[in-house]
Amino acid sequence: MAYLYATLGMYQEAAQQCRKALVRQPCREGIHRALMGYLWRMGRRDEALAQFRACAQVLSRELDAEPSPETMQLYQHILQSQPARLHHL
């Protein structure tokens, strides 16, 4: 559902769907990554970076794992860029 909202440019709704999914499945890294992207696209860079930290923390605590290279790449992209509304990666 989040992906559908995002394809329509409805990033707020997409982010809300991701948050709901993470309540049920907090270790789903792909959902964390999608949420990071949606937040960044809405110009909420600080929240996107905080979401990365939440993702890294839950992966470490629950799975004794680190974020995947794909998640790290998105994190670096967000960290090094300025917020951009409706920017497509």
C-alpha atoms as a PDB file:
ATOM      1  CA  MET A   1       0.000   0.000   0.000  1.00  0.00           C
ATOM      2  CA  ALA A   2       2.834   2.414   0.840  1.00  0.00           C
ATOM      3  CA  TYR A   3       4.368   1.929  -2.593  1.00  0.00           C
ATOM      4  CA  LEU A   4       1.042   2.742  -4.256  1.00  0.00           C
ATOM      5  CA  TYR A   5       0.719   5.964  -2.289  1.00  0.00           C
ATOM      6  CA  ALA A   6       4.306   6.873  -3.132  1.00  0.00           C
ATOM      7  CA  THR A   7       3.783   6.328  -6.860  1.00  0.00           C
ATOM      8  CA  LEU A   8       0.923   8.811  -6.615  1.00  0.00           C
ATOM      9  CA  GLY A   9       3.176  11.300  -4.840  1.00  0.00           C
ATOM     10  CA  MET A  10       1.264  10.843  -1.585  1.00  0.00           C
ATOM     11  CA  TYR A  11       4.365  10.524   0.594  1.00  0.00           C
ATOM     12  CA  GLN A  12       2.646  11.398   3.874  1.00  0.00           C
ATOM     13  CA  GLU A  13       0.225   8.520   3.419  1.00  0.00           C
ATOM     14  CA  ALA A  14       3.055   6.221   2.300  1.00  0.00           C
ATOM     15  CA  ALA A  15       5.050   7.109   5.417  1.00  0.00           C
ATOM     16  CA  GLN A  16       2.016   6.448   7.599  1.00  0.00           C
ATOM     17  CA  GLN A  17       1.624   2.982   6.077  1.00  0.00           C
ATOM     18  CA  CYS A  18       5.292   2.236   6.733  1.00  0.00           C
ATOM     19  CA  ARG A  19       4.977   3.278  10.356  1.00  0.00           C
ATOM     20  CA  LYS A  20       1.964   0.988  10.815  1.00  0.00           C
ATOM     21  CA  ALA A  21       3.853  -1.913   9.245  1.00  0.00           C
ATOM     22  CA  LEU A  22       6.892  -1.326  11.466  1.00  0.00           C
ATOM     23  CA  VAL A  23       4.745  -1.609  14.590  1.00  0.00           C
ATOM     24  CA  ARG A  24       3.901  -5.175  13.523  1.00  0.00           C
ATOM     25  CA  GLN A  25       7.275  -6.036  11.963  1.00  0.00           C
ATOM     26  CA  PRO A  26      10.027  -3.802  13.393  1.00  0.00           C
ATOM     27  CA  CYS A  27      12.886  -5.798  11.829  1.00  0.00           C
ATOM     28  CA  ARG A  28      11.764  -5.258   8.225  1.00  0.00           C
ATOM     29  CA  GLU A  29      14.692  -3.238   6.949  1.00  0.00           C
ATOM     30  CA  GLY A  30      13.073  -2.560   3.572  1.00  0.00           C
ATOM     31  CA  ILE A  31      10.190  -0.802   5.294  1.00  0.00           C
ATOM     32  CA  HIS A  32      12.599   1.322   7.323  1.00  0.00           C
ATOM     33  CA  ARG A  33      14.425   2.176   4.086  1.00  0.00           C
ATOM     34  CA  ALA A  34      11.196   3.112   2.303  1.00  0.00           C
ATOM     35  CA  LEU A  35      10.165   5.310   5.231  1.00  0.00           C
ATOM     36  CA  MET A  36      13.546   7.039   5.168  1.00  0.00           C
ATOM     37  CA  GLY A  37      13.046   7.828   1.487  1.00  0.00           C
ATOM     38  CA  TYR A  38       9.509   9.095   1.911  1.00  0.00           C
ATOM     39  CA  LEU A  39      10.499  11.345   4.789  1.00  0.00           C
ATOM     40  CA  TRP A  40      13.389  12.741   2.781  1.00  0.00           C
ATOM     41  CA  ARG A  41      11.166  13.389  -0.224  1.00  0.00           C
ATOM     42  CA  MET A  42       8.823  15.367   2.027  1.00  0.00           C
ATOM     43  CA  GLY A  43      11.735  17.562   3.092  1.00  0.00           C
ATOM     44  CA  ARG A  44      11.971  15.958   6.534  1.00  0.00           C
ATOM     45  CA  ARG A  45      15.678  15.135   6.376  1.00  0.00           C
ATOM     46  CA  ASP A  46      16.226  15.034  10.144  1.00  0.00           C
ATOM     47  CA  GLU A  47      13.386  12.551  10.569  1.00  0.00           C
ATOM     48  CA  ALA A  48      14.789  10.400   7.754  1.00  0.00           C
ATOM     49  CA  LEU A  49      18.178  10.319   9.487  1.00  0.00           C
ATOM     50  CA  ALA A  50      16.498   9.485  12.796  1.00  0.00           C
ATOM     51  CA  GLN A  51      14.681   6.645  11.060  1.00  0.00           C
ATOM     52  CA  PHE A  52      18.021   5.244   9.930  1.00  0.00           C
ATOM     53  CA  ARG A  53      19.242   5.297  13.522  1.00  0.00           C
ATOM     54  CA  ALA A  54      16.061   3.532  14.670  1.00  0.00           C
ATOM     55  CA  CYS A  55      16.551   0.919  11.962  1.00  0.00           C
ATOM     56  CA  ALA A  56      20.188   0.319  12.898  1.00  0.00           C
ATOM     57  CA  GLN A  57      19.258   0.040  16.557  1.00  0.00           C
ATOM     58  CA  VAL A  58      16.486  -2.522  16.050  1.00  0.00           C
ATOM     59  CA  LEU A  59      18.598  -4.602  13.661  1.00  0.00           C
ATOM     60  CA  SER A  60      21.451  -4.656  16.156  1.00  0.00           C
ATOM     61  CA  ARG A  61      19.275  -5.423  19.162  1.00  0.00           C
ATOM     62  CA  GLU A  62      16.962  -7.996  17.583  1.00  0.00           C
ATOM     63  CA  LEU A  63      19.131  -9.636  14.916  1.00  0.00           C
ATOM     64  CA  ASP A  64      22.693  -8.754  15.893  1.00  0.00           C
ATOM     65  CA  ALA A  65      23.021  -7.313  12.383  1.00  0.00           C
ATOM     66  CA  GLU A  66      23.983  -4.064  10.707  1.00  0.00           C
ATOM     67  CA  PRO A  67      22.042  -2.214   8.013  1.00  0.00           C
ATOM     68  CA  SER A  68      22.504  -3.565   4.510  1.00  0.00           C
ATOM     69  CA  PRO A  69      24.698  -1.782   1.953  1.00  0.00           C
ATOM     70  CA  GLU A  70      21.514  -0.540   0.256  1.00  0.00           C
ATOM     71  CA  THR A  71      20.296   1.080   3.463  1.00  0.00           C
ATOM     72  CA  MET A  72      23.738   2.537   4.150  1.00  0.00           C
ATOM     73  CA  GLN A  73      23.813   3.993   0.638  1.00  0.00           C
ATOM     74  CA  LEU A  74      20.454   5.699   1.141  1.00  0.00           C
ATOM     75  CA  TYR A  75      21.603   6.997   4.528  1.00  0.00           C
ATOM     76  CA  GLN A  76      24.753   8.471   2.985  1.00  0.00           C
ATOM     77  CA  HIS A  77      22.711  10.030   0.177  1.00  0.00           C
ATOM     78  CA  ILE A  78      20.336  11.672   2.653  1.00  0.00           C
ATOM     79  CA  LEU A  79      23.199  12.744   4.904  1.00  0.00           C
ATOM     80  CA  GLN A  80      25.121  14.422   2.075  1.00  0.00           C
ATOM     81  CA  SER A  81      22.214  16.071   0.293  1.00  0.00           C
ATOM     82  CA  GLN A  82      19.831  18.846   1.019  1.00  0.00           C
ATOM     83  CA  PRO A  83      16.156  18.115   1.534  1.00  0.00           C
ATOM     84  CA  ALA A  84      14.308  18.034  -1.738  1.00  0.00           C
ATOM     85  CA  ARG A  85      10.580  17.847  -1.998  1.00  0.00           C
ATOM     86  CA  LEU A  86       9.237  15.265  -4.391  1.00  0.00           C
ATOM     87  CA  HIS A  87      12.742  14.241  -5.418  1.00  0.00           C
ATOM     88  CA  HIS A  88      12.930  10.776  -6.917  1.00  0.00           C
ATOM     89  CA  LEU A  89      16.008   8.679  -6.211  1.00  0.00           C
END
